[in-house]
Amino acid sequence: MIFTLLAFVTTSAWAQGVGFGYKLRPSFRTQITPLNDGIYEVKALGSSAPVNYWCGIGDYAIRTLGLSNSQRIYIYRAYEPGVRTVQFSFSPPPGGETSSGYSITVRKVGANMSAASAQNYCFDNFIDMGI
């Protein structure tokens, strides 16, 4: 009985990871709003982890807009804590530092990555499990 209960709890916890199980959906949720001049505002629903914003815009760019996996995505306006939004564009923002790096940030105008790299954060198995 204890083994069965432990197996159920463990399976339920692992099932929250995106890559485990059948037809599980990413736990990241965002609302994308197209603005003027090719700017897209991403609002986090739930987790405000940086990967949530990148996941949202990357997935939107590839699956909704049909852009190439190699399309660069730039932070146009950095994270705003009160409204929990980040604005992105597909061209470099004026005055932003656009050198490539390995930081996953939403607080630096000009930070960028490819659409495929951003979308890959949608499949991060452990972000909401605290691992």
N, C-alpha and C. Protein backbone atom coordinates (compact mmCIF):
# COMPACT_ATOMS: atom_id res chain seq x y z
N MET A 1 0.83 -1.20 0.00
CA MET A 1 0.00 0.00 0.00
C MET A 1 0.87 1.26 0.00
N ILE A 2 1.90 1.29 0.83
CA ILE A 2 2.77 2.45 0.89
C ILE A 2 3.51 2.62 -0.44
N PHE A 3 3.96 1.51 -1.03
CA PHE A 3 4.65 1.58 -2.31
C PHE A 3 3.72 2.15 -3.38
N THR A 4 2.47 1.74 -3.39
CA THR A 4 1.50 2.23 -4.36
C THR A 4 1.27 3.72 -4.19
N LEU A 5 1.12 4.17 -2.96
CA LEU A 5 0.93 5.59 -2.69
C LEU A 5 2.16 6.40 -3.10
N LEU A 6 3.35 5.89 -2.75
CA LEU A 6 4.59 6.56 -3.12
C LEU A 6 4.74 6.62 -4.65
N ALA A 7 4.41 5.54 -5.34
CA ALA A 7 4.49 5.51 -6.80
C ALA A 7 3.53 6.53 -7.41
N PHE A 8 2.33 6.62 -6.85
CA PHE A 8 1.35 7.58 -7.36
C PHE A 8 1.83 9.02 -7.18
N VAL A 9 2.33 9.35 -5.99
CA VAL A 9 2.81 10.70 -5.72
C VAL A 9 4.01 11.03 -6.60
N THR A 10 4.93 10.11 -6.72
CA THR A 10 6.12 10.33 -7.54
C THR A 10 5.73 10.51 -9.00
N THR A 11 4.85 9.66 -9.50
CA THR A 11 4.40 9.76 -10.89
C THR A 11 3.71 11.09 -11.13
N SER A 12 2.88 11.52 -10.19
CA SER A 12 2.19 12.80 -10.35
C SER A 12 3.17 13.96 -10.39
N ALA A 13 4.19 13.91 -9.54
CA ALA A 13 5.20 14.97 -9.53
C ALA A 13 5.98 14.98 -10.83
N TRP A 14 6.39 13.83 -11.32
CA TRP A 14 7.14 13.77 -12.57
C TRP A 14 6.27 14.13 -13.76
N ALA A 15 4.97 13.85 -13.67
CA ALA A 15 4.08 14.16 -14.79
C ALA A 15 3.96 15.66 -15.01
N GLN A 16 4.28 16.45 -13.98
CA GLN A 16 4.26 17.89 -14.15
C GLN A 16 5.41 18.36 -15.03
N GLY A 17 6.45 17.56 -15.14
CA GLY A 17 7.55 17.87 -16.05
C GLY A 17 7.07 17.67 -17.46
N VAL A 18 7.36 18.57 -18.35
CA VAL A 18 6.81 18.56 -19.69
C VAL A 18 7.17 17.32 -20.47
N GLY A 19 8.38 16.84 -20.35
CA GLY A 19 8.85 15.76 -21.19
C GLY A 19 8.41 14.38 -20.77
N PHE A 20 7.72 14.26 -19.67
CA PHE A 20 7.33 12.95 -19.18
C PHE A 20 5.86 12.70 -19.47
N GLY A 21 5.53 11.48 -19.80
CA GLY A 21 4.14 11.12 -20.01
C GLY A 21 3.71 11.32 -21.45
N TYR A 22 2.43 11.27 -21.66
CA TYR A 22 1.87 11.34 -23.00
C TYR A 22 0.98 12.57 -23.12
N LYS A 23 1.24 13.38 -24.15
CA LYS A 23 0.45 14.57 -24.45
C LYS A 23 0.42 15.57 -23.31
N LEU A 24 1.51 15.70 -22.59
CA LEU A 24 1.56 16.73 -21.56
C LEU A 24 1.92 18.05 -22.21
N ARG A 25 1.39 19.12 -21.67
CA ARG A 25 1.64 20.44 -22.22
C ARG A 25 2.65 21.19 -21.35
N PRO A 26 3.37 22.13 -21.95
CA PRO A 26 4.29 22.92 -21.15
C PRO A 26 3.53 23.66 -20.06
N SER A 27 4.17 23.82 -18.93
CA SER A 27 3.52 24.51 -17.83
C SER A 27 3.65 26.02 -17.96
N PHE A 28 4.37 26.49 -18.96
CA PHE A 28 4.51 27.92 -19.17
C PHE A 28 3.31 28.44 -19.95
N ARG A 29 2.80 29.57 -19.51
CA ARG A 29 1.69 30.18 -20.22
C ARG A 29 1.95 31.67 -20.34
N THR A 30 1.72 32.19 -21.52
CA THR A 30 1.92 33.61 -21.77
C THR A 30 0.79 34.14 -22.64
N GLN A 31 0.66 35.44 -22.61
CA GLN A 31 -0.28 36.12 -23.49
C GLN A 31 0.55 37.04 -24.37
N ILE A 32 0.44 36.88 -25.69
CA ILE A 32 1.22 37.66 -26.64
C ILE A 32 0.31 38.70 -27.27
N THR A 33 0.74 39.95 -27.24
CA THR A 33 -0.03 41.04 -27.84
C THR A 33 0.83 41.75 -28.88
N PRO A 34 0.46 41.68 -30.16
CA PRO A 34 1.20 42.43 -31.18
C PRO A 34 0.96 43.92 -30.98
N LEU A 35 2.02 44.69 -30.96
CA LEU A 35 1.94 46.15 -30.87
C LEU A 35 2.35 46.75 -32.22
N ASN A 36 2.54 48.01 -32.29
CA ASN A 36 2.96 48.68 -33.54
C ASN A 36 4.42 48.41 -33.84
N ASP A 37 4.79 48.55 -35.10
CA ASP A 37 6.17 48.51 -35.57
C ASP A 37 6.91 47.21 -35.28
N GLY A 38 6.20 46.08 -35.30
CA GLY A 38 6.86 44.78 -35.12
C GLY A 38 7.29 44.49 -33.69
N ILE A 39 6.64 45.10 -32.73
CA ILE A 39 6.92 44.86 -31.32
C ILE A 39 5.83 43.94 -30.78
N TYR A 40 6.24 42.97 -29.96
CA TYR A 40 5.30 42.02 -29.36
C TYR A 40 5.47 42.06 -27.85
N GLU A 41 4.36 42.23 -27.15
CA GLU A 41 4.40 42.25 -25.69
C GLU A 41 4.01 40.89 -25.16
N VAL A 42 4.84 40.37 -24.28
CA VAL A 42 4.60 39.06 -23.68
C VAL A 42 4.29 39.26 -22.20
N LYS A 43 3.14 38.77 -21.80
CA LYS A 43 2.73 38.83 -20.39
C LYS A 43 2.73 37.42 -19.84
N ALA A 44 3.38 37.25 -18.72
CA ALA A 44 3.44 35.92 -18.09
C ALA A 44 2.14 35.66 -17.33
N LEU A 45 1.66 34.45 -17.48
CA LEU A 45 0.52 33.98 -16.70
C LEU A 45 1.05 32.85 -15.84
N GLY A 46 1.12 33.06 -14.56
CA GLY A 46 1.75 32.09 -13.68
C GLY A 46 3.17 32.51 -13.39
N SER A 47 4.10 31.67 -13.72
CA SER A 47 5.52 31.92 -13.44
C SER A 47 6.05 33.13 -14.20
N SER A 48 6.79 33.98 -13.50
CA SER A 48 7.43 35.11 -14.19
C SER A 48 8.93 34.86 -14.37
N ALA A 49 9.31 33.59 -14.44
CA ALA A 49 10.70 33.22 -14.71
C ALA A 49 11.05 33.68 -16.13
N PRO A 50 12.28 34.13 -16.34
CA PRO A 50 12.68 34.59 -17.68
C PRO A 50 12.40 33.57 -18.79
N VAL A 51 12.57 32.30 -18.50
CA VAL A 51 12.34 31.29 -19.53
C VAL A 51 10.89 31.28 -20.00
N ASN A 52 9.96 31.68 -19.16
CA ASN A 52 8.56 31.74 -19.54
C ASN A 52 8.36 32.75 -20.67
N TYR A 53 8.98 33.92 -20.56
CA TYR A 53 8.85 34.95 -21.59
C TYR A 53 9.50 34.51 -22.90
N TRP A 54 10.72 33.96 -22.80
CA TRP A 54 11.42 33.50 -24.00
C TRP A 54 10.65 32.36 -24.66
N CYS A 55 10.13 31.44 -23.87
CA CYS A 55 9.32 30.34 -24.40
C CYS A 55 8.13 30.91 -25.18
N GLY A 56 7.43 31.85 -24.57
CA GLY A 56 6.24 32.42 -25.21
C GLY A 56 6.54 33.06 -26.54
N ILE A 57 7.55 33.92 -26.60
CA ILE A 57 7.85 34.62 -27.86
C ILE A 57 8.47 33.67 -28.88
N GLY A 58 9.28 32.73 -28.44
CA GLY A 58 9.89 31.78 -29.37
C GLY A 58 8.84 30.89 -30.02
N ASP A 59 7.94 30.38 -29.23
CA ASP A 59 6.88 29.52 -29.75
C ASP A 59 5.96 30.31 -30.68
N TYR A 60 5.63 31.53 -30.30
CA TYR A 60 4.78 32.38 -31.12
C TYR A 60 5.45 32.70 -32.46
N ALA A 61 6.74 33.00 -32.42
CA ALA A 61 7.47 33.34 -33.64
C ALA A 61 7.48 32.18 -34.63
N ILE A 62 7.71 30.98 -34.12
CA ILE A 62 7.82 29.81 -35.00
C ILE A 62 6.46 29.26 -35.40
N ARG A 63 5.60 29.01 -34.42
CA ARG A 63 4.34 28.33 -34.74
C ARG A 63 3.25 29.25 -35.25
N THR A 64 3.19 30.49 -34.77
CA THR A 64 2.12 31.39 -35.19
C THR A 64 2.54 32.25 -36.38
N LEU A 65 3.73 32.85 -36.28
CA LEU A 65 4.18 33.73 -37.37
C LEU A 65 4.91 32.99 -38.48
N GLY A 66 5.31 31.74 -38.23
CA GLY A 66 5.99 30.95 -39.25
C GLY A 66 7.41 31.42 -39.56
N LEU A 67 8.06 32.06 -38.59
CA LEU A 67 9.42 32.54 -38.81
C LEU A 67 10.42 31.40 -38.73
N SER A 68 11.58 31.64 -39.27
CA SER A 68 12.65 30.65 -39.28
C SER A 68 13.16 30.38 -37.86
N ASN A 69 13.64 29.16 -37.64
CA ASN A 69 14.24 28.81 -36.35
C ASN A 69 15.43 29.70 -36.02
N SER A 70 16.11 30.19 -37.03
CA SER A 70 17.31 31.00 -36.81
C SER A 70 17.01 32.49 -36.64
N GLN A 71 15.76 32.89 -36.76
CA GLN A 71 15.38 34.29 -36.58
C GLN A 71 15.79 34.78 -35.19
N ARG A 72 16.50 35.91 -35.12
CA ARG A 72 16.90 36.47 -33.83
C ARG A 72 15.70 37.19 -33.21
N ILE A 73 15.58 37.06 -31.91
CA ILE A 73 14.54 37.74 -31.14
C ILE A 73 15.27 38.62 -30.13
N TYR A 74 14.87 39.90 -30.05
CA TYR A 74 15.53 40.87 -29.19
C TYR A 74 14.57 41.41 -28.13
N ILE A 75 15.09 41.68 -26.96
CA ILE A 75 14.28 42.38 -25.96
C ILE A 75 14.25 43.84 -26.36
N TYR A 76 13.05 44.35 -26.55
CA TYR A 76 12.86 45.74 -26.96
C TYR A 76 12.63 46.62 -25.73
N ARG A 77 11.84 46.15 -24.82
CA ARG A 77 11.65 46.82 -23.53
C ARG A 77 11.73 45.76 -22.45
N ALA A 78 12.56 45.99 -21.46
CA ALA A 78 12.85 44.99 -20.43
C ALA A 78 11.64 44.74 -19.52
N TYR A 79 11.78 43.72 -18.71
CA TYR A 79 10.77 43.28 -17.75
C TYR A 79 10.26 44.44 -16.89
N GLU A 80 8.95 44.49 -16.72
CA GLU A 80 8.32 45.48 -15.85
C GLU A 80 7.61 44.72 -14.74
N PRO A 81 8.14 44.79 -13.52
CA PRO A 81 7.58 44.00 -12.41
C PRO A 81 6.10 44.25 -12.14
N GLY A 82 5.66 45.49 -12.17
CA GLY A 82 4.26 45.77 -11.84
C GLY A 82 3.27 45.13 -12.79
N VAL A 83 3.60 45.11 -14.07
CA VAL A 83 2.69 44.55 -15.07
C VAL A 83 3.15 43.20 -15.59
N ARG A 84 4.37 42.79 -15.22
CA ARG A 84 4.93 41.49 -15.59
C ARG A 84 4.93 41.26 -17.09
N THR A 85 5.44 42.25 -17.82
CA THR A 85 5.52 42.13 -19.27
C THR A 85 6.95 42.38 -19.75
N VAL A 86 7.23 41.86 -20.94
CA VAL A 86 8.48 42.12 -21.66
C VAL A 86 8.09 42.35 -23.11
N GLN A 87 8.72 43.33 -23.75
CA GLN A 87 8.45 43.56 -25.16
C GLN A 87 9.63 43.05 -25.99
N PHE A 88 9.30 42.35 -27.07
CA PHE A 88 10.30 41.76 -27.95
C PHE A 88 10.11 42.28 -29.37
N SER A 89 11.18 42.21 -30.15
CA SER A 89 11.10 42.53 -31.58
C SER A 89 12.02 41.56 -32.33
N PHE A 90 11.87 41.54 -33.63
CA PHE A 90 12.68 40.67 -34.47
C PHE A 90 13.81 41.45 -35.15
N SER A 91 13.97 42.69 -34.74
CA SER A 91 15.09 43.50 -35.20
C SER A 91 15.70 44.19 -33.98
N PRO A 92 16.98 44.51 -34.04
CA PRO A 92 17.64 45.10 -32.87
C PRO A 92 16.99 46.41 -32.44
N PRO A 93 16.83 46.61 -31.13
CA PRO A 93 16.25 47.86 -30.65
C PRO A 93 17.26 49.00 -30.73
N PRO A 94 16.80 50.22 -30.90
CA PRO A 94 17.73 51.34 -30.95
C PRO A 94 18.45 51.50 -29.60
N GLY A 95 19.77 51.58 -29.65
CA GLY A 95 20.55 51.81 -28.44
C GLY A 95 20.74 50.61 -27.54
N GLY A 96 20.23 49.45 -27.92
CA GLY A 96 20.36 48.26 -27.07
C GLY A 96 21.69 47.55 -27.31
N GLU A 97 22.21 46.92 -26.29
CA GLU A 97 23.42 46.10 -26.39
C GLU A 97 23.01 44.75 -26.94
N THR A 98 23.42 44.44 -28.15
CA THR A 98 22.93 43.23 -28.83
C THR A 98 23.98 42.14 -28.99
N SER A 99 25.07 42.24 -28.27
CA SER A 99 26.07 41.17 -28.38
C SER A 99 25.48 39.88 -27.83
N SER A 100 25.86 38.77 -28.40
CA SER A 100 25.34 37.48 -27.97
C SER A 100 25.96 37.09 -26.63
N GLY A 101 25.21 36.36 -25.85
CA GLY A 101 25.70 35.88 -24.56
C GLY A 101 24.95 34.63 -24.17
N TYR A 102 25.21 34.16 -22.99
CA TYR A 102 24.57 32.93 -22.54
C TYR A 102 23.60 33.17 -21.39
N SER A 103 23.37 34.42 -21.05
CA SER A 103 22.47 34.74 -19.95
C SER A 103 21.02 34.66 -20.42
N ILE A 104 20.18 34.13 -19.59
CA ILE A 104 18.75 34.08 -19.88
C ILE A 104 18.13 35.19 -19.04
N THR A 105 18.07 36.37 -19.63
CA THR A 105 17.57 37.52 -18.90
C THR A 105 16.42 38.16 -19.65
N VAL A 106 15.59 38.86 -18.92
CA VAL A 106 14.55 39.68 -19.53
C VAL A 106 14.68 41.11 -19.00
N ARG A 107 15.82 41.41 -18.43
CA ARG A 107 16.05 42.73 -17.82
C ARG A 107 17.05 43.59 -18.59
N LYS A 108 17.47 43.16 -19.78
CA LYS A 108 18.48 43.90 -20.53
C LYS A 108 18.00 44.12 -21.96
N VAL A 109 17.76 45.38 -22.29
CA VAL A 109 17.34 45.72 -23.66
C VAL A 109 18.45 45.31 -24.61
N GLY A 110 18.06 44.61 -25.67
CA GLY A 110 19.00 44.12 -26.67
C GLY A 110 19.40 42.67 -26.48
N ALA A 111 19.17 42.10 -25.29
CA ALA A 111 19.46 40.68 -25.10
C ALA A 111 18.71 39.91 -26.17
N ASN A 112 19.34 38.87 -26.70
CA ASN A 112 18.70 38.18 -27.82
C ASN A 112 19.11 36.73 -27.90
N MET A 113 18.31 35.98 -28.63
CA MET A 113 18.61 34.58 -28.95
C MET A 113 17.80 34.19 -30.16
N SER A 114 18.10 33.04 -30.72
CA SER A 114 17.35 32.56 -31.88
C SER A 114 15.96 32.11 -31.45
N ALA A 115 15.05 32.09 -32.39
CA ALA A 115 13.68 31.66 -32.11
C ALA A 115 13.67 30.21 -31.60
N ALA A 116 14.50 29.35 -32.19
CA ALA A 116 14.55 27.95 -31.77
C ALA A 116 15.06 27.83 -30.33
N SER A 117 16.09 28.59 -29.99
CA SER A 117 16.61 28.55 -28.62
C SER A 117 15.54 29.01 -27.64
N ALA A 118 14.82 30.07 -28.00
CA ALA A 118 13.76 30.57 -27.13
C ALA A 118 12.65 29.54 -26.98
N GLN A 119 12.23 28.94 -28.08
CA GLN A 119 11.15 27.96 -28.04
C GLN A 119 11.55 26.73 -27.23
N ASN A 120 12.82 26.38 -27.26
CA ASN A 120 13.27 25.20 -26.51
C ASN A 120 13.03 25.33 -25.01
N TYR A 121 12.93 26.54 -24.49
CA TYR A 121 12.63 26.70 -23.06
C TYR A 121 11.22 26.23 -22.72
N CYS A 122 10.37 26.08 -23.71
CA CYS A 122 9.02 25.56 -23.46
C CYS A 122 9.07 24.11 -23.00
N PHE A 123 10.16 23.43 -23.30
CA PHE A 123 10.26 22.01 -23.00
C PHE A 123 11.19 21.72 -21.84
N ASP A 124 11.46 22.74 -21.02
CA ASP A 124 12.28 22.56 -19.83
C ASP A 124 11.47 21.76 -18.82
N ASN A 125 11.92 20.55 -18.52
CA ASN A 125 11.16 19.63 -17.69
C ASN A 125 11.09 20.00 -16.22
N PHE A 126 12.05 20.71 -15.72
CA PHE A 126 12.18 20.82 -14.28
C PHE A 126 11.96 22.22 -13.72
N ILE A 127 11.64 23.20 -14.51
CA ILE A 127 11.59 24.57 -14.02
C ILE A 127 10.58 24.75 -12.89
N ASP A 128 9.41 24.16 -12.97
CA ASP A 128 8.40 24.35 -11.93
C ASP A 128 8.50 23.33 -10.81
N MET A 129 9.46 22.43 -10.88
CA MET A 129 9.60 21.43 -9.82
C MET A 129 10.68 21.83 -8.82
N GLY A 130 11.27 23.02 -9.00
CA GLY A 130 12.26 23.51 -8.08
C GLY A 130 13.59 22.79 -8.16
N ILE A 131 13.85 22.11 -9.26
CA ILE A 131 15.12 21.38 -9.41
C ILE A 131 16.10 22.24 -10.16
